Amino acid sequence: MIRFEDEADAVRIANGTLYSLVAGVWSADIGRVHRVARDLKAGTVWINTYGYTDVRLPWGG
């Protein structure tokens, strides 16, 4: 957990990491999670969950 002041601060902290591969956003406010998810520079953004992957999706590198 990292404390943040507002949405912009949370996005600044998250986007300030070196890799930004995945992110998770939790909130009961669906508009908020969509705004934050849109602004995150991450390959995968989970909303109100973390680590879930549908095994039917293509996977690999």
PDB file of N, CA and C in Angstrom:
ATOM      1  N   MET A   1       0.831  -1.168   0.000  1.00  0.00           N
ATOM      2  CA  MET A   1       0.000   0.000   0.000  1.00  0.00           C
ATOM      3  C   MET A   1       0.882   1.239   0.000  1.00  0.00           C
ATOM      4  N   ILE A   2       0.496   2.178  -0.824  1.00  0.00           N
ATOM      5  CA  ILE A   2       1.149   3.486  -0.863  1.00  0.00           C
ATOM      6  C   ILE A   2       0.041   4.529  -0.768  1.00  0.00           C
ATOM      7  N   ARG A   3       0.172   5.430   0.165  1.00  0.00           N
ATOM      8  CA  ARG A   3      -0.823   6.488   0.317  1.00  0.00           C
ATOM      9  C   ARG A   3      -0.731   7.474  -0.846  1.00  0.00           C
ATOM     10  N   PHE A   4      -1.882   8.020  -1.233  1.00  0.00           N
ATOM     11  CA  PHE A   4      -1.923   9.038  -2.276  1.00  0.00           C
ATOM     12  C   PHE A   4      -2.984  10.063  -1.909  1.00  0.00           C
ATOM     13  N   GLU A   5      -2.867  11.238  -2.484  1.00  0.00           N
ATOM     14  CA  GLU A   5      -3.770  12.346  -2.158  1.00  0.00           C
ATOM     15  C   GLU A   5      -5.056  12.320  -2.990  1.00  0.00           C
ATOM     16  N   ASP A   6      -4.941  12.034  -4.273  1.00  0.00           N
ATOM     17  CA  ASP A   6      -6.094  12.037  -5.174  1.00  0.00           C
ATOM     18  C   ASP A   6      -5.776  11.156  -6.378  1.00  0.00           C
ATOM     19  N   GLU A   7      -6.698  11.094  -7.322  1.00  0.00           N
ATOM     20  CA  GLU A   7      -6.495  10.233  -8.496  1.00  0.00           C
ATOM     21  C   GLU A   7      -5.217  10.586  -9.249  1.00  0.00           C
ATOM     22  N   ALA A   8      -4.988  11.862  -9.449  1.00  0.00           N
ATOM     23  CA  ALA A   8      -3.803  12.290 -10.200  1.00  0.00           C
ATOM     24  C   ALA A   8      -2.521  11.850  -9.495  1.00  0.00           C
ATOM     25  N   ASP A   9      -2.498  11.940  -8.176  1.00  0.00           N
ATOM     26  CA  ASP A   9      -1.328  11.521  -7.411  1.00  0.00           C
ATOM     27  C   ASP A   9      -1.137  10.010  -7.527  1.00  0.00           C
ATOM     28  N   ALA A  10      -2.217   9.245  -7.458  1.00  0.00           N
ATOM     29  CA  ALA A  10      -2.132   7.788  -7.586  1.00  0.00           C
ATOM     30  C   ALA A  10      -1.584   7.400  -8.959  1.00  0.00           C
ATOM     31  N   VAL A  11      -2.064   8.048 -10.000  1.00  0.00           N
ATOM     32  CA  VAL A  11      -1.590   7.764 -11.363  1.00  0.00           C
ATOM     33  C   VAL A  11      -0.129   8.153 -11.504  1.00  0.00           C
ATOM     34  N   ARG A  12       0.262   9.286 -10.921  1.00  0.00           N
ATOM     35  CA  ARG A  12       1.662   9.732 -10.978  1.00  0.00           C
ATOM     36  C   ARG A  12       2.575   8.706 -10.322  1.00  0.00           C
ATOM     37  N   ILE A  13       2.174   8.209  -9.157  1.00  0.00           N
ATOM     38  CA  ILE A  13       2.974   7.208  -8.453  1.00  0.00           C
ATOM     39  C   ILE A  13       3.066   5.914  -9.279  1.00  0.00           C
ATOM     40  N   ALA A  14       1.932   5.445  -9.758  1.00  0.00           N
ATOM     41  CA  ALA A  14       1.907   4.194 -10.524  1.00  0.00           C
ATOM     42  C   ALA A  14       2.723   4.301 -11.808  1.00  0.00           C
ATOM     43  N   ASN A  15       2.591   5.414 -12.508  1.00  0.00           N
ATOM     44  CA  ASN A  15       3.306   5.579 -13.769  1.00  0.00           C
ATOM     45  C   ASN A  15       4.778   5.914 -13.562  1.00  0.00           C
ATOM     46  N   GLY A  16       5.169   6.176 -12.325  1.00  0.00           N
ATOM     47  CA  GLY A  16       6.558   6.489 -12.027  1.00  0.00           C
ATOM     48  C   GLY A  16       7.426   5.261 -11.794  1.00  0.00           C
ATOM     49  N   THR A  17       6.872   4.072 -11.998  1.00  0.00           N
ATOM     50  CA  THR A  17       7.660   2.853 -11.827  1.00  0.00           C
ATOM     51  C   THR A  17       8.420   2.536 -13.108  1.00  0.00           C
ATOM     52  N   LEU A  18       9.412   1.693 -12.977  1.00  0.00           N
ATOM     53  CA  LEU A  18      10.268   1.377 -14.126  1.00  0.00           C
ATOM     54  C   LEU A  18       9.577   0.503 -15.167  1.00  0.00           C
ATOM     55  N   TYR A  19       8.774  -0.480 -14.727  1.00  0.00           N
ATOM     56  CA  TYR A  19       8.243  -1.458 -15.666  1.00  0.00           C
ATOM     57  C   TYR A  19       6.782  -1.268 -16.049  1.00  0.00           C
ATOM     58  N   SER A  20       5.912  -0.997 -15.103  1.00  0.00           N
ATOM     59  CA  SER A  20       4.486  -0.755 -15.373  1.00  0.00           C
ATOM     60  C   SER A  20       3.839  -1.880 -16.188  1.00  0.00           C
ATOM     61  N   LEU A  21       4.084  -3.116 -15.808  1.00  0.00           N
ATOM     62  CA  LEU A  21       3.534  -4.240 -16.556  1.00  0.00           C
ATOM     63  C   LEU A  21       2.059  -4.471 -16.259  1.00  0.00           C
ATOM     64  N   VAL A  22       1.678  -4.432 -14.979  1.00  0.00           N
ATOM     65  CA  VAL A  22       0.292  -4.661 -14.585  1.00  0.00           C
ATOM     66  C   VAL A  22      -0.088  -3.684 -13.479  1.00  0.00           C
ATOM     67  N   ALA A  23      -1.404  -3.496 -13.332  1.00  0.00           N
ATOM     68  CA  ALA A  23      -1.914  -2.620 -12.279  1.00  0.00           C
ATOM     69  C   ALA A  23      -3.267  -3.138 -11.824  1.00  0.00           C
ATOM     70  N   GLY A  24      -3.635  -2.817 -10.612  1.00  0.00           N
ATOM     71  CA  GLY A  24      -4.951  -3.142 -10.086  1.00  0.00           C
ATOM     72  C   GLY A  24      -5.570  -1.902  -9.487  1.00  0.00           C
ATOM     73  N   VAL A  25      -6.837  -1.650  -9.805  1.00  0.00           N
ATOM     74  CA  VAL A  25      -7.544  -0.472  -9.307  1.00  0.00           C
ATOM     75  C   VAL A  25      -8.800  -0.946  -8.601  1.00  0.00           C
ATOM     76  N   TRP A  26      -8.994  -0.492  -7.368  1.00  0.00           N
ATOM     77  CA  TRP A  26     -10.164  -0.870  -6.587  1.00  0.00           C
ATOM     78  C   TRP A  26     -10.970   0.367  -6.237  1.00  0.00           C
ATOM     79  N   SER A  27     -12.280   0.302  -6.466  1.00  0.00           N
ATOM     80  CA  SER A  27     -13.195   1.365  -6.051  1.00  0.00           C
ATOM     81  C   SER A  27     -14.624   0.902  -6.321  1.00  0.00           C
ATOM     82  N   ALA A  28     -15.551   1.421  -5.540  1.00  0.00           N
ATOM     83  CA  ALA A  28     -16.970   1.170  -5.803  1.00  0.00           C
ATOM     84  C   ALA A  28     -17.487   2.123  -6.876  1.00  0.00           C
ATOM     85  N   ASP A  29     -16.696   3.143  -7.192  1.00  0.00           N
ATOM     86  CA  ASP A  29     -17.072   4.160  -8.180  1.00  0.00           C
ATOM     87  C   ASP A  29     -16.533   3.730  -9.545  1.00  0.00           C
ATOM     88  N   ILE A  30     -17.395   3.163 -10.384  1.00  0.00           N
ATOM     89  CA  ILE A  30     -16.952   2.612 -11.667  1.00  0.00           C
ATOM     90  C   ILE A  30     -16.382   3.694 -12.584  1.00  0.00           C
ATOM     91  N   GLY A  31     -16.904   4.896 -12.503  1.00  0.00           N
ATOM     92  CA  GLY A  31     -16.338   5.992 -13.295  1.00  0.00           C
ATOM     93  C   GLY A  31     -14.909   6.284 -12.904  1.00  0.00           C
ATOM     94  N   ARG A  32     -14.644   6.237 -11.607  1.00  0.00           N
ATOM     95  CA  ARG A  32     -13.286   6.484 -11.114  1.00  0.00           C
ATOM     96  C   ARG A  32     -12.326   5.421 -11.611  1.00  0.00           C
ATOM     97  N   VAL A  33     -12.693   4.146 -11.515  1.00  0.00           N
ATOM     98  CA  VAL A  33     -11.760   3.104 -11.950  1.00  0.00           C
ATOM     99  C   VAL A  33     -11.497   3.185 -13.448  1.00  0.00           C
ATOM    100  N   HIS A  34     -12.490   3.563 -14.211  1.00  0.00           N
ATOM    101  CA  HIS A  34     -12.273   3.699 -15.655  1.00  0.00           C
ATOM    102  C   HIS A  34     -11.361   4.884 -15.965  1.00  0.00           C
ATOM    103  N   ARG A  35     -11.524   5.994 -15.258  1.00  0.00           N
ATOM    104  CA  ARG A  35     -10.629   7.144 -15.458  1.00  0.00           C
ATOM    105  C   ARG A  35      -9.194   6.777 -15.118  1.00  0.00           C
ATOM    106  N   VAL A  36      -9.012   6.167 -13.959  1.00  0.00           N
ATOM    107  CA  VAL A  36      -7.663   5.815 -13.522  1.00  0.00           C
ATOM    108  C   VAL A  36      -7.064   4.762 -14.448  1.00  0.00           C
ATOM    109  N   ALA A  37      -7.820   3.734 -14.786  1.00  0.00           N
ATOM    110  CA  ALA A  37      -7.314   2.684 -15.678  1.00  0.00           C
ATOM    111  C   ALA A  37      -6.890   3.264 -17.020  1.00  0.00           C
ATOM    112  N   ARG A  38      -7.652   4.201 -17.538  1.00  0.00           N
ATOM    113  CA  ARG A  38      -7.319   4.829 -18.827  1.00  0.00           C
ATOM    114  C   ARG A  38      -5.982   5.557 -18.760  1.00  0.00           C
ATOM    115  N   ASP A  39      -5.687   6.172 -17.609  1.00  0.00           N
ATOM    116  CA  ASP A  39      -4.484   6.986 -17.483  1.00  0.00           C
ATOM    117  C   ASP A  39      -3.243   6.204 -17.082  1.00  0.00           C
ATOM    118  N   LEU A  40      -3.409   4.959 -16.650  1.00  0.00           N
ATOM    119  CA  LEU A  40      -2.253   4.171 -16.242  1.00  0.00           C
ATOM    120  C   LEU A  40      -1.492   3.661 -17.459  1.00  0.00           C
ATOM    121  N   LYS A  41      -0.190   3.709 -17.362  1.00  0.00           N
ATOM    122  CA  LYS A  41       0.669   3.171 -18.418  1.00  0.00           C
ATOM    123  C   LYS A  41       1.076   1.769 -17.999  1.00  0.00           C
ATOM    124  N   ALA A  42       0.184   0.819 -18.247  1.00  0.00           N
ATOM    125  CA  ALA A  42       0.429  -0.568 -17.865  1.00  0.00           C
ATOM    126  C   ALA A  42      -0.144  -1.483 -18.937  1.00  0.00           C
ATOM    127  N   GLY A  43       0.478  -2.615 -19.107  1.00  0.00           N
ATOM    128  CA  GLY A  43       0.017  -3.558 -20.120  1.00  0.00           C
ATOM    129  C   GLY A  43      -1.329  -4.179 -19.785  1.00  0.00           C
ATOM    130  N   THR A  44      -1.564  -4.438 -18.510  1.00  0.00           N
ATOM    131  CA  THR A  44      -2.821  -5.011 -18.041  1.00  0.00           C
ATOM    132  C   THR A  44      -3.286  -4.220 -16.834  1.00  0.00           C
ATOM    133  N   VAL A  45      -4.552  -3.856 -16.810  1.00  0.00           N
ATOM    134  CA  VAL A  45      -5.130  -3.182 -15.643  1.00  0.00           C
ATOM    135  C   VAL A  45      -6.342  -3.987 -15.195  1.00  0.00           C
ATOM    136  N   TRP A  46      -6.269  -4.545 -13.979  1.00  0.00           N
ATOM    137  CA  TRP A  46      -7.399  -5.262 -13.404  1.00  0.00           C
ATOM    138  C   TRP A  46      -8.236  -4.295 -12.594  1.00  0.00           C
ATOM    139  N   ILE A  47      -9.543  -4.451 -12.659  1.00  0.00           N
ATOM    140  CA  ILE A  47     -10.463  -3.594 -11.910  1.00  0.00           C
ATOM    141  C   ILE A  47     -11.175  -4.447 -10.864  1.00  0.00           C
ATOM    142  N   ASN A  48     -11.005  -4.048  -9.610  1.00  0.00           N
ATOM    143  CA  ASN A  48     -11.605  -4.711  -8.445  1.00  0.00           C
ATOM    144  C   ASN A  48     -11.244  -6.186  -8.346  1.00  0.00           C
ATOM    145  N   THR A  49     -10.093  -6.531  -8.867  1.00  0.00           N
ATOM    146  CA  THR A  49      -9.510  -7.863  -8.727  1.00  0.00           C
ATOM    147  C   THR A  49      -8.037  -7.733  -9.075  1.00  0.00           C
ATOM    148  N   TYR A  50      -7.284  -8.786  -8.868  1.00  0.00           N
ATOM    149  CA  TYR A  50      -5.871  -8.732  -9.242  1.00  0.00           C
ATOM    150  C   TYR A  50      -5.389 -10.140  -9.554  1.00  0.00           C
ATOM    151  N   GLY A  51      -4.753 -10.294 -10.676  1.00  0.00           N
ATOM    152  CA  GLY A  51      -4.147 -11.557 -11.035  1.00  0.00           C
ATOM    153  C   GLY A  51      -5.027 -12.502 -11.829  1.00  0.00           C
ATOM    154  N   TYR A  52      -6.297 -12.140 -12.022  1.00  0.00           N
ATOM    155  CA  TYR A  52      -7.189 -13.021 -12.768  1.00  0.00           C
ATOM    156  C   TYR A  52      -6.821 -12.999 -14.245  1.00  0.00           C
ATOM    157  N   THR A  53      -6.698 -14.174 -14.830  1.00  0.00           N
ATOM    158  CA  THR A  53      -6.443 -14.302 -16.257  1.00  0.00           C
ATOM    159  C   THR A  53      -7.291 -15.447 -16.787  1.00  0.00           C
ATOM    160  N   ASP A  54      -7.987 -15.204 -17.852  1.00  0.00           N
ATOM    161  CA  ASP A  54      -8.767 -16.255 -18.503  1.00  0.00           C
ATOM    162  C   ASP A  54      -7.807 -17.152 -19.260  1.00  0.00           C
ATOM    163  N   VAL A  55      -7.777 -18.418 -18.926  1.00  0.00           N
ATOM    164  CA  VAL A  55      -6.832 -19.345 -19.541  1.00  0.00           C
ATOM    165  C   VAL A  55      -7.066 -19.539 -21.035  1.00  0.00           C
ATOM    166  N   ARG A  56      -8.199 -19.080 -21.546  1.00  0.00           N
ATOM    167  CA  ARG A  56      -8.462 -19.202 -22.979  1.00  0.00           C
ATOM    168  C   ARG A  56      -7.792 -18.095 -23.798  1.00  0.00           C
ATOM    169  N   LEU A  57      -7.239 -17.086 -23.129  1.00  0.00           N
ATOM    170  CA  LEU A  57      -6.602 -15.985 -23.827  1.00  0.00           C
ATOM    171  C   LEU A  57      -5.192 -16.372 -24.267  1.00  0.00           C
ATOM    172  N   PRO A  58      -4.714 -15.792 -25.375  1.00  0.00           N
ATOM    173  CA  PRO A  58      -3.337 -16.050 -25.805  1.00  0.00           C
ATOM    174  C   PRO A  58      -2.352 -15.585 -24.730  1.00  0.00           C
ATOM    175  N   TRP A  59      -1.296 -16.319 -24.528  1.00  0.00           N
ATOM    176  CA  TRP A  59      -0.335 -15.989 -23.486  1.00  0.00           C
ATOM    177  C   TRP A  59       1.046 -16.372 -23.966  1.00  0.00           C
ATOM    178  N   GLY A  60       2.004 -15.544 -23.707  1.00  0.00           N
ATOM    179  CA  GLY A  60       3.365 -15.891 -24.087  1.00  0.00           C
ATOM    180  C   GLY A  60       4.169 -14.641 -24.386  1.00  0.00           C
ATOM    181  N   GLY A  61       5.387 -14.822 -24.767  1.00  0.00           N
ATOM    182  CA  GLY A  61       6.207 -13.652 -24.958  1.00  0.00           C
ATOM    183  C   GLY A  61       7.234 -13.812 -25.990  1.00  0.00           C
TER     184      GLY A  61
END
